[in-house]
Amino acid sequence: MRTRINVWHVLLVMIVLSLGTFGVLAEETATHTSFFDNDAINRMIDENYKLVQENGYAELRIPRSLHGITEEALTPNSLEVGRKLIEHGYEAYAIGGCIRDYIMGTESNDVDIATNATIEQQREIFGDDLYLHFPGGMTFGRVRFPDEEVDLASYQTPSLAFYGLAGMPEFDPTATGNDSVLLDSFQRDLTMNAIYYDLTNGDLVDFHGGLYAIREHVIDTIVPAANAVNQDGRKLIRALRFKSRFGYELSDSLDRAIRKYGVAVVNRMRQADISNNINKMMEAGYASKSWRNLADYGLLDTVFPSLIRLVNDADYLNYLDKATAYMDDLHNEKGRKISDTLILLTFIQPEIDRRAQRSAYLTALSGVLDEQEMTFQISAQMRERLEGISVLAHDMEKISSRFLKSAVQESEYYEDALALLNMKALTNSELATQAAFWNENADKTQESLDKAA
């Protein structure tokens, strides 16, 4: 094992509190009341949703004069990208979180532009300001600005897995792209994320009842749920992430599909897709809801395979409840960025400690990390950080020298190690004294612990 920690470089702990829980981020369930207070819009949404149910899709266009969403919902740079595309004769739609969140009444800078311009045509327009990136094996453009990068995607062709499904429009399954925003919509993950804003005229365009889903607080897929989650497991995890974030309910069909296929689907996913999406679930202030949703759908020990012996252990679940609430408080109240290493160690550290009771600590740590690499993408650099943080937190449980304390606090791993020690102390009264020692004069961690009282 490689680590930058000296033998006596030990780590920290926070002031522990007696079995309390921390403040949790309120669910973002608010909707843009002026939008759904419009009777004409609601009638259009209801009529369209009936057609979607009957036919598989139906185009709903709400003019800007009726919906009132202005270009202020978008960033100036994204508007500039759209303007240039339109000037060159192409279509341009804003799509994604920015439209969804504006309708919900929350702020978002998540602006994507969808267009019928190919990558080659985009290069002709944006020149060297355009570069390519390849998320999930797909090719997308990204336009550079001094203060922002705007994602730009050519219309996508629906997956071959959807070819011939009832309610699917005709398409060429061998094509790599297409000229239809309708076909592009079938590649979106959830109906609420498939609402387009036409940058040509300001129309709001919805093919799949996404506006209905937002109004009714329901999460649903665009194609039948069983087909959607089996085609791309990221849709499954994203559905659970939005359930955690917004407090919405999954549709009955999506709920059944995840319970039936979830374990098998996650086991087929790439490690990078699992770890990236789980980190997004846990880093944004609603980890305490997210782990419960994973557990409810039987996915906790699928995502974290070393936890197979702990997922039904009451003490572990109590720890996880308090540890994730603490992590949420660090993000929501203290404005701290939650690292991917802290997220992973929050879940697996109790199993490392359990195994360390019967074997050397480093052996236990290595074994758990080896198992976790079955589902998480862990680079050599990340593994070094995981080892360093875990070892430092473990050492900090024993160190009480103020001379050594100063040295430990200089470690690059100290902040996450202290957070990890504080989490463990929340349900382990024997660590309270050590936590208090390491958290002396640490105002932010002290405030977090005070919430547990």
Protein backbone atom coordinates (compact mmCIF):
# COMPACT_ATOMS: atom_id res chain seq x y z
CA MET A 1 0.00 0.00 0.00
CA ARG A 2 1.27 3.45 -0.89
CA THR A 3 0.43 6.29 1.44
CA ARG A 4 1.95 9.64 2.30
CA ILE A 5 1.23 9.37 5.98
CA ASN A 6 4.01 8.97 8.50
CA VAL A 7 3.52 6.35 11.14
CA TRP A 8 2.69 8.96 13.74
CA HIS A 9 0.61 11.09 11.33
CA VAL A 10 -2.71 10.36 12.85
CA LEU A 11 -6.04 11.90 12.38
CA LEU A 12 -8.90 13.54 13.94
CA VAL A 13 -12.27 13.45 15.36
CA MET A 14 -15.12 15.84 16.03
CA ILE A 15 -17.01 16.66 19.11
CA VAL A 16 -19.38 13.81 19.35
CA LEU A 17 -22.96 14.13 20.30
CA SER A 18 -25.31 11.69 21.78
CA LEU A 19 -27.08 9.80 19.02
CA GLY A 20 -28.65 12.85 17.46
CA THR A 21 -29.41 13.57 13.85
CA PHE A 22 -28.50 16.52 11.73
CA GLY A 23 -30.54 18.92 9.72
CA VAL A 24 -31.40 17.52 6.31
CA LEU A 25 -31.89 19.40 3.06
CA ALA A 26 -35.53 20.16 2.50
CA GLU A 27 -36.97 18.43 -0.53
CA GLU A 28 -37.08 20.65 -3.57
CA THR A 29 -40.75 19.98 -4.21
CA ALA A 30 -41.77 23.53 -4.93
CA THR A 31 -43.14 24.17 -8.40
CA HIS A 32 -43.35 27.40 -10.33
CA THR A 33 -46.82 28.29 -9.10
CA SER A 34 -47.51 30.89 -11.77
CA PHE A 35 -46.89 28.25 -14.43
CA PHE A 36 -49.31 25.64 -13.11
CA ASP A 37 -51.80 28.25 -11.91
CA ASN A 38 -52.66 28.90 -15.55
CA ASP A 39 -55.90 27.06 -16.34
CA ALA A 40 -55.25 27.10 -20.08
CA ILE A 41 -51.87 25.46 -19.62
CA ASN A 42 -53.31 22.83 -17.31
CA ARG A 43 -55.98 21.94 -19.84
CA MET A 44 -53.33 21.59 -22.54
CA ILE A 45 -51.21 19.40 -20.25
CA ASP A 46 -54.16 17.14 -19.38
CA GLU A 47 -55.27 16.77 -22.99
CA ASN A 48 -51.74 16.03 -24.13
CA TYR A 49 -51.16 13.48 -21.38
CA LYS A 50 -54.21 11.51 -22.50
CA LEU A 51 -52.81 11.36 -26.03
CA VAL A 52 -49.41 10.28 -24.71
CA GLN A 53 -51.07 7.45 -22.78
CA GLU A 54 -53.01 6.38 -25.86
CA ASN A 55 -50.36 6.74 -28.54
CA GLY A 56 -46.97 6.56 -26.79
CA TYR A 57 -46.15 10.21 -27.51
CA ALA A 58 -47.87 13.42 -28.57
CA GLU A 59 -46.44 16.84 -29.30
CA LEU A 60 -47.46 19.67 -26.99
CA ARG A 61 -46.31 23.18 -27.88
CA ILE A 62 -47.04 25.96 -25.44
CA PRO A 63 -46.22 29.41 -26.86
CA ARG A 64 -44.10 31.82 -24.86
CA SER A 65 -47.01 34.26 -24.76
CA LEU A 66 -48.84 31.69 -22.64
CA HIS A 67 -46.16 30.02 -20.52
CA GLY A 68 -44.23 33.23 -19.75
CA ILE A 69 -40.80 31.58 -19.49
CA THR A 70 -38.28 34.09 -20.79
CA GLU A 71 -34.71 33.69 -21.89
CA GLU A 72 -33.67 34.77 -18.39
CA ALA A 73 -34.02 31.08 -17.48
CA LEU A 74 -30.95 30.42 -19.63
CA THR A 75 -27.38 31.65 -19.48
CA PRO A 76 -26.22 34.36 -21.92
CA ASN A 77 -23.63 31.99 -23.39
CA SER A 78 -26.18 29.25 -24.09
CA LEU A 79 -28.36 31.84 -25.82
CA GLU A 80 -25.37 32.86 -27.92
CA VAL A 81 -24.80 29.23 -28.96
CA GLY A 82 -28.47 28.91 -29.93
CA ARG A 83 -28.42 32.20 -31.83
CA LYS A 84 -25.45 31.16 -33.96
CA LEU A 85 -27.01 27.80 -34.79
CA ILE A 86 -30.27 29.45 -35.86
CA GLU A 87 -28.43 32.06 -37.92
CA HIS A 88 -26.82 29.23 -39.86
CA GLY A 89 -30.17 27.59 -40.55
CA TYR A 90 -30.22 24.91 -37.85
CA GLU A 91 -32.67 24.12 -35.05
CA ALA A 92 -31.68 24.85 -31.46
CA TYR A 93 -33.46 23.80 -28.28
CA ALA A 94 -32.51 24.29 -24.65
CA ILE A 95 -33.03 21.01 -22.86
CA GLY A 96 -32.36 19.42 -19.52
CA GLY A 97 -32.21 20.59 -15.93
CA CYS A 98 -32.52 24.30 -16.69
CA ILE A 99 -36.04 23.96 -18.08
CA ARG A 100 -37.16 21.40 -15.52
CA ASP A 101 -35.83 23.39 -12.59
CA TYR A 102 -37.26 26.69 -13.80
CA ILE A 103 -40.72 25.14 -14.01
CA MET A 104 -40.20 23.73 -10.50
CA GLY A 105 -39.19 27.14 -9.24
CA THR A 106 -35.56 26.30 -8.45
CA GLU A 107 -32.37 27.76 -9.86
CA SER A 108 -30.20 25.83 -12.29
CA ASN A 109 -27.22 26.44 -14.53
CA ASP A 110 -27.57 23.01 -16.14
CA VAL A 111 -28.14 24.19 -19.72
CA ASP A 112 -27.71 21.84 -22.68
CA ILE A 113 -28.40 22.74 -26.30
CA ALA A 114 -29.81 20.13 -28.70
CA THR A 115 -29.57 20.71 -32.44
CA ASN A 116 -29.93 19.03 -35.81
CA ALA A 117 -26.44 20.31 -36.74
CA THR A 118 -23.90 17.49 -36.95
CA ILE A 119 -20.55 17.65 -35.20
CA GLU A 120 -18.91 18.64 -38.49
CA GLN A 121 -21.45 21.44 -39.01
CA GLN A 122 -20.94 22.61 -35.43
CA ARG A 123 -17.19 22.83 -36.10
CA GLU A 124 -17.85 25.07 -39.08
CA ILE A 125 -19.84 27.44 -36.87
CA PHE A 126 -17.79 27.48 -33.65
CA GLY A 127 -14.32 26.61 -34.92
CA ASP A 128 -11.69 26.10 -32.22
CA ASP A 129 -14.15 27.12 -29.51
CA LEU A 130 -15.77 23.68 -29.95
CA TYR A 131 -14.18 20.58 -28.51
CA LEU A 132 -15.49 17.05 -28.12
CA HIS A 133 -16.13 14.98 -25.03
CA PHE A 134 -17.33 11.41 -24.75
CA PRO A 135 -19.63 10.73 -21.79
CA GLY A 136 -20.95 7.17 -21.67
CA GLY A 137 -19.25 6.34 -24.96
CA MET A 138 -21.21 8.98 -26.89
CA THR A 139 -19.81 12.04 -28.68
CA PHE A 140 -20.92 15.54 -27.74
CA GLY A 141 -19.66 19.01 -28.40
CA ARG A 142 -18.79 21.62 -25.84
CA VAL A 143 -18.42 25.31 -26.68
CA ARG A 144 -15.84 27.28 -24.69
CA PHE A 145 -16.49 30.72 -23.28
CA PRO A 146 -14.22 32.64 -20.89
CA ASP A 147 -16.60 32.02 -17.97
CA GLU A 148 -18.52 28.90 -19.02
CA GLU A 149 -18.68 25.85 -21.26
CA VAL A 150 -21.98 25.07 -22.99
CA ASP A 151 -22.85 21.47 -23.83
CA LEU A 152 -24.02 21.04 -27.40
CA ALA A 153 -25.46 17.75 -28.68
CA SER A 154 -26.61 16.66 -32.10
CA TYR A 155 -30.00 14.95 -32.09
CA GLN A 156 -29.60 11.34 -31.04
CA THR A 157 -31.17 8.27 -32.62
CA PRO A 158 -33.23 6.08 -30.26
CA SER A 159 -31.57 2.91 -29.00
CA LEU A 160 -31.89 -0.21 -31.13
CA ALA A 161 -33.46 -1.77 -28.02
CA PHE A 162 -36.50 0.45 -28.59
CA TYR A 163 -36.97 -0.44 -32.25
CA GLY A 164 -40.45 -1.80 -32.90
CA LEU A 165 -41.85 -0.93 -29.47
CA ALA A 166 -45.52 0.00 -29.45
CA GLY A 167 -45.85 3.76 -29.62
CA MET A 168 -42.39 4.32 -31.12
CA PRO A 169 -42.18 6.43 -34.29
CA GLU A 170 -40.39 4.91 -37.27
CA PHE A 171 -36.61 5.41 -37.29
CA ASP A 172 -33.49 3.96 -38.87
CA PRO A 173 -31.79 1.95 -36.12
CA THR A 174 -28.50 1.95 -38.04
CA ALA A 175 -28.25 5.75 -38.15
CA THR A 176 -25.80 7.52 -35.84
CA GLY A 177 -27.87 10.70 -35.77
CA ASN A 178 -31.08 12.16 -37.12
CA ASP A 179 -32.82 15.38 -38.05
CA SER A 180 -35.80 15.00 -35.69
CA VAL A 181 -36.18 16.50 -32.23
CA LEU A 182 -38.98 13.98 -31.65
CA LEU A 183 -36.61 11.05 -32.13
CA ASP A 184 -34.03 12.78 -29.96
CA SER A 185 -36.56 12.95 -27.14
CA PHE A 186 -36.73 9.15 -26.98
CA GLN A 187 -33.10 9.04 -25.87
CA ARG A 188 -33.79 11.16 -22.77
CA ASP A 189 -33.91 9.39 -19.45
CA LEU A 190 -37.08 10.68 -17.77
CA THR A 191 -40.14 12.55 -18.97
CA MET A 192 -39.46 15.56 -16.76
CA ASN A 193 -36.00 15.87 -18.33
CA ALA A 194 -37.36 15.82 -21.90
CA ILE A 195 -38.99 19.25 -22.03
CA TYR A 196 -37.52 21.44 -24.77
CA TYR A 197 -37.39 25.22 -25.07
CA ASP A 198 -37.38 26.23 -28.75
CA LEU A 199 -34.81 29.00 -29.07
CA THR A 200 -36.31 30.03 -32.40
CA ASN A 201 -39.68 31.17 -31.04
CA GLY A 202 -39.75 30.45 -27.29
CA ASP A 203 -42.22 27.55 -27.52
CA LEU A 204 -42.14 24.98 -24.73
CA VAL A 205 -42.21 21.51 -26.35
CA ASP A 206 -43.19 18.32 -24.54
CA PHE A 207 -43.66 14.95 -26.29
CA HIS A 208 -43.99 12.64 -23.28
CA GLY A 209 -46.02 14.23 -20.50
CA GLY A 210 -43.04 15.73 -18.72
CA LEU A 211 -45.03 18.77 -17.62
CA TYR A 212 -47.73 16.47 -16.27
CA ALA A 213 -45.07 14.55 -14.32
CA ILE A 214 -43.68 17.72 -12.73
CA ARG A 215 -47.12 18.99 -11.82
CA GLU A 216 -48.12 15.65 -10.28
CA HIS A 217 -44.70 15.03 -8.63
CA VAL A 218 -44.15 11.76 -10.48
CA ILE A 219 -40.96 10.33 -11.97
CA ASP A 220 -41.48 8.27 -15.11
CA THR A 221 -39.53 7.02 -18.10
CA ILE A 222 -40.19 7.88 -21.72
CA VAL A 223 -40.45 4.34 -23.07
CA PRO A 224 -41.98 1.55 -20.95
CA ALA A 225 -40.04 1.41 -17.70
CA ALA A 226 -38.85 -2.20 -18.05
CA ASN A 227 -37.36 -1.39 -21.46
CA ALA A 228 -35.83 1.86 -20.22
CA VAL A 229 -33.98 0.50 -17.18
CA ASN A 230 -32.76 -2.61 -19.01
CA GLN A 231 -31.46 -0.48 -21.88
CA ASP A 232 -29.46 1.88 -19.65
CA GLY A 233 -28.93 1.38 -15.94
CA ARG A 234 -28.04 5.05 -15.53
CA LYS A 235 -31.73 5.83 -15.95
CA LEU A 236 -32.47 3.65 -12.92
CA ILE A 237 -29.96 5.41 -10.67
CA ARG A 238 -30.97 8.85 -11.96
CA ALA A 239 -34.60 8.08 -11.19
CA LEU A 240 -33.67 7.25 -7.59
CA ARG A 241 -31.47 10.37 -7.40
CA PHE A 242 -34.34 12.64 -8.44
CA LYS A 243 -36.67 10.81 -6.05
CA SER A 244 -34.21 11.66 -3.28
CA ARG A 245 -33.69 15.24 -4.42
CA PHE A 246 -37.28 16.28 -5.12
CA GLY A 247 -39.28 13.89 -2.95
CA TYR A 248 -41.30 12.78 -5.97
CA GLU A 249 -42.74 9.28 -6.28
CA LEU A 250 -41.78 6.80 -8.97
CA SER A 251 -44.56 5.76 -11.32
CA ASP A 252 -45.99 2.34 -10.55
CA SER A 253 -44.38 0.84 -13.64
CA LEU A 254 -40.96 2.31 -12.84
CA ASP A 255 -41.20 1.16 -9.23
CA ARG A 256 -41.98 -2.39 -10.37
CA ALA A 257 -39.23 -2.38 -12.99
CA ILE A 258 -36.52 -1.32 -10.53
CA ARG A 259 -37.62 -3.88 -7.95
CA LYS A 260 -37.66 -6.63 -10.58
CA TYR A 261 -34.61 -5.81 -12.68
CA GLY A 262 -32.56 -3.39 -10.55
CA VAL A 263 -29.92 -5.77 -9.17
CA ALA A 264 -29.28 -7.44 -12.52
CA VAL A 265 -29.16 -4.09 -14.33
CA VAL A 266 -26.68 -2.52 -11.90
CA ASN A 267 -24.48 -5.61 -12.08
CA ARG A 268 -24.22 -5.08 -15.86
CA MET A 269 -23.29 -1.40 -15.62
CA ARG A 270 -19.79 -0.04 -16.16
CA GLN A 271 -17.94 0.82 -12.95
CA ALA A 272 -17.53 4.42 -14.08
CA ASP A 273 -21.28 4.83 -14.64
CA ILE A 274 -22.10 3.42 -11.20
CA SER A 275 -19.55 5.46 -9.29
CA ASN A 276 -20.27 8.71 -11.17
CA ASN A 277 -24.01 8.48 -10.62
CA ILE A 278 -23.77 7.34 -7.00
CA ASN A 279 -21.43 10.24 -6.25
CA LYS A 280 -23.97 12.65 -7.75
CA MET A 281 -26.62 11.14 -5.47
CA MET A 282 -24.53 11.55 -2.36
CA GLU A 283 -22.61 14.80 -2.86
CA ALA A 284 -25.43 17.32 -3.20
CA GLY A 285 -27.05 17.40 0.23
CA TYR A 286 -29.56 14.55 0.14
CA ALA A 287 -27.38 11.52 0.87
CA SER A 288 -29.54 10.57 3.87
CA LYS A 289 -32.52 10.10 1.55
CA SER A 290 -30.45 8.49 -1.20
CA TRP A 291 -29.08 5.61 0.83
CA ARG A 292 -32.57 4.78 2.09
CA ASN A 293 -33.86 4.65 -1.46
CA LEU A 294 -31.02 2.36 -2.50
CA ALA A 295 -31.78 0.13 0.48
CA ASP A 296 -35.52 0.15 -0.19
CA TYR A 297 -34.93 -1.17 -3.70
CA GLY A 298 -32.42 -3.79 -2.53
CA LEU A 299 -29.48 -2.08 -4.21
CA LEU A 300 -27.28 -0.99 -1.30
CA ASP A 301 -25.09 -4.10 -1.24
CA THR A 302 -25.19 -4.25 -5.04
CA VAL A 303 -23.61 -0.82 -5.28
CA PHE A 304 -21.36 -1.46 -2.25
CA PRO A 305 -20.70 -5.23 -2.47
CA SER A 306 -18.61 -5.41 0.71
CA LEU A 307 -21.72 -4.48 2.73
CA ILE A 308 -23.46 -7.81 2.20
CA ARG A 309 -22.96 -8.66 5.89
CA LEU A 310 -24.11 -5.24 7.13
CA VAL A 311 -27.18 -4.25 5.11
CA ASN A 312 -29.51 -5.85 7.64
CA ASP A 313 -27.48 -4.90 10.71
CA ALA A 314 -29.38 -2.41 12.88
CA ASP A 315 -26.21 -0.83 14.27
CA TYR A 316 -24.82 -0.23 10.79
CA LEU A 317 -28.08 1.26 9.54
CA ASN A 318 -28.18 3.55 12.58
CA TYR A 319 -24.61 4.64 11.83
CA LEU A 320 -25.44 5.23 8.16
CA ASP A 321 -28.49 7.29 9.08
CA LYS A 322 -26.44 9.63 11.25
CA ALA A 323 -23.31 9.66 9.08
CA THR A 324 -25.16 10.67 5.91
CA ALA A 325 -27.15 13.30 7.79
CA TYR A 326 -23.85 14.72 9.01
CA MET A 327 -22.47 14.69 5.48
CA ASP A 328 -25.60 16.49 4.23
CA ASP A 329 -25.11 19.12 6.91
CA LEU A 330 -21.52 19.69 5.83
CA HIS A 331 -22.79 20.40 2.33
CA ASN A 332 -26.02 22.28 3.05
CA GLU A 333 -25.06 24.33 6.07
CA LYS A 334 -21.29 24.64 5.75
CA GLY A 335 -21.03 24.84 1.97
CA ARG A 336 -18.42 22.11 1.87
CA LYS A 337 -17.79 20.11 -1.29
CA ILE A 338 -18.16 16.43 -0.49
CA SER A 339 -15.36 14.39 -2.04
CA ASP A 340 -15.83 11.07 -3.80
CA THR A 341 -13.39 9.50 -1.33
CA LEU A 342 -15.39 10.64 1.70
CA ILE A 343 -18.60 9.36 0.13
CA LEU A 344 -17.17 5.90 -0.45
CA LEU A 345 -15.50 5.63 2.95
CA THR A 346 -18.69 6.75 4.69
CA PHE A 347 -20.34 3.56 3.47
CA ILE A 348 -17.51 1.02 3.68
CA GLN A 349 -15.50 2.12 6.75
CA PRO A 350 -17.61 0.08 9.22
CA GLU A 351 -16.87 -3.07 7.19
CA ILE A 352 -13.17 -2.21 7.19
CA ASP A 353 -13.31 -1.87 10.98
CA ARG A 354 -15.24 -5.13 11.33
CA ARG A 355 -12.64 -7.08 9.38
CA ALA A 356 -9.78 -5.34 11.18
CA GLN A 357 -10.93 -7.03 14.39
CA ARG A 358 -9.69 -10.33 12.95
CA SER A 359 -6.81 -9.24 10.71
CA ALA A 360 -4.31 -6.45 10.22
CA TYR A 361 -5.90 -3.08 9.45
CA LEU A 362 -4.17 -2.68 6.11
CA THR A 363 -5.22 -6.18 5.08
CA ALA A 364 -8.84 -5.43 5.93
CA LEU A 365 -8.70 -2.09 4.13
CA SER A 366 -7.17 -3.62 1.01
CA GLY A 367 -9.71 -6.43 0.91
CA VAL A 368 -12.71 -4.10 1.11
CA LEU A 369 -11.31 -1.80 -1.57
CA ASP A 370 -10.65 -4.79 -3.83
CA GLU A 371 -14.30 -5.80 -3.52
CA GLN A 372 -15.49 -2.26 -4.14
CA GLU A 373 -13.63 -2.16 -7.44
CA MET A 374 -16.20 -4.66 -8.72
CA THR A 375 -18.69 -1.78 -8.97
CA PHE A 376 -16.74 1.49 -8.61
CA GLN A 377 -14.09 2.94 -10.85
CA ILE A 378 -11.15 3.51 -8.49
CA SER A 379 -8.00 4.90 -10.03
CA ALA A 380 -4.58 4.34 -8.48
CA GLN A 381 -4.61 7.94 -7.28
CA MET A 382 -8.05 7.60 -5.73
CA ARG A 383 -7.06 4.35 -4.04
CA GLU A 384 -4.06 6.07 -2.51
CA ARG A 385 -6.34 8.79 -1.13
CA LEU A 386 -8.82 6.25 0.22
CA GLU A 387 -6.04 4.38 2.00
CA GLY A 388 -4.50 7.56 3.35
CA ILE A 389 -7.76 8.93 4.73
CA SER A 390 -8.85 5.65 6.28
CA VAL A 391 -5.47 4.98 7.92
CA LEU A 392 -5.25 8.53 9.23
CA ALA A 393 -8.73 8.41 10.72
CA HIS A 394 -7.90 5.06 12.31
CA ASP A 395 -4.68 6.45 13.83
CA MET A 396 -6.47 9.56 15.08
CA GLU A 397 -8.60 7.31 17.28
CA LYS A 398 -5.48 6.70 19.39
CA ILE A 399 -3.49 9.94 19.29
CA SER A 400 -3.94 12.45 22.08
CA SER A 401 -0.60 14.28 21.89
CA ARG A 402 -0.95 17.96 21.03
CA PHE A 403 2.50 17.86 19.47
CA LEU A 404 1.41 15.11 17.07
CA LYS A 405 -1.93 16.84 16.53
CA SER A 406 -0.28 19.78 14.81
CA ALA A 407 1.62 17.47 12.49
CA VAL A 408 -1.49 15.46 11.61
CA GLN A 409 -3.42 18.59 10.79
CA GLU A 410 -0.88 19.36 8.06
CA SER A 411 -1.78 16.17 6.21
CA GLU A 412 -3.59 16.52 2.89
CA TYR A 413 -5.98 13.82 4.14
CA TYR A 414 -6.86 15.55 7.39
CA GLU A 415 -10.18 17.19 6.46
CA ASP A 416 -11.80 13.99 5.17
CA ALA A 417 -10.23 11.89 7.92
CA LEU A 418 -11.69 14.21 10.55
CA ALA A 419 -15.12 14.01 8.93
CA LEU A 420 -14.88 10.21 8.88
CA LEU A 421 -13.87 10.11 12.55
CA ASN A 422 -16.74 12.40 13.46
CA MET A 423 -19.20 10.15 11.65
CA LYS A 424 -17.98 7.10 13.53
CA ALA A 425 -18.15 8.97 16.83
CA LEU A 426 -21.85 9.70 16.34
CA THR A 427 -22.72 6.10 17.18
CA ASN A 428 -19.62 5.08 19.13
CA SER A 429 -19.50 6.74 22.54
CA GLU A 430 -15.97 5.42 23.13
CA LEU A 431 -14.72 7.80 20.42
CA ALA A 432 -16.36 10.88 21.95
CA THR A 433 -13.28 12.00 23.84
CA GLN A 434 -11.04 11.62 20.80
CA ALA A 435 -13.57 13.42 18.63
CA ALA A 436 -13.66 16.30 21.08
CA PHE A 437 -9.85 16.45 21.11
CA TRP A 438 -9.58 16.73 17.34
CA ASN A 439 -12.45 19.18 17.01
CA GLU A 440 -11.20 21.73 19.48
CA ASN A 441 -11.51 25.19 17.95
CA ALA A 442 -13.12 23.75 14.84
CA ASP A 443 -16.19 25.96 14.73
CA LYS A 444 -17.81 24.43 11.67
CA THR A 445 -17.64 20.86 12.88
CA GLN A 446 -18.70 21.94 16.34
CA GLU A 447 -21.83 23.56 14.93
CA SER A 448 -22.63 20.40 12.96
CA LEU A 449 -22.29 18.25 16.05
CA ASP A 450 -24.40 20.64 18.10
CA LYS A 451 -27.30 19.83 15.79
CA ALA A 452 -27.18 16.25 16.96
CA ALA A 453 -27.88 17.19 20.56
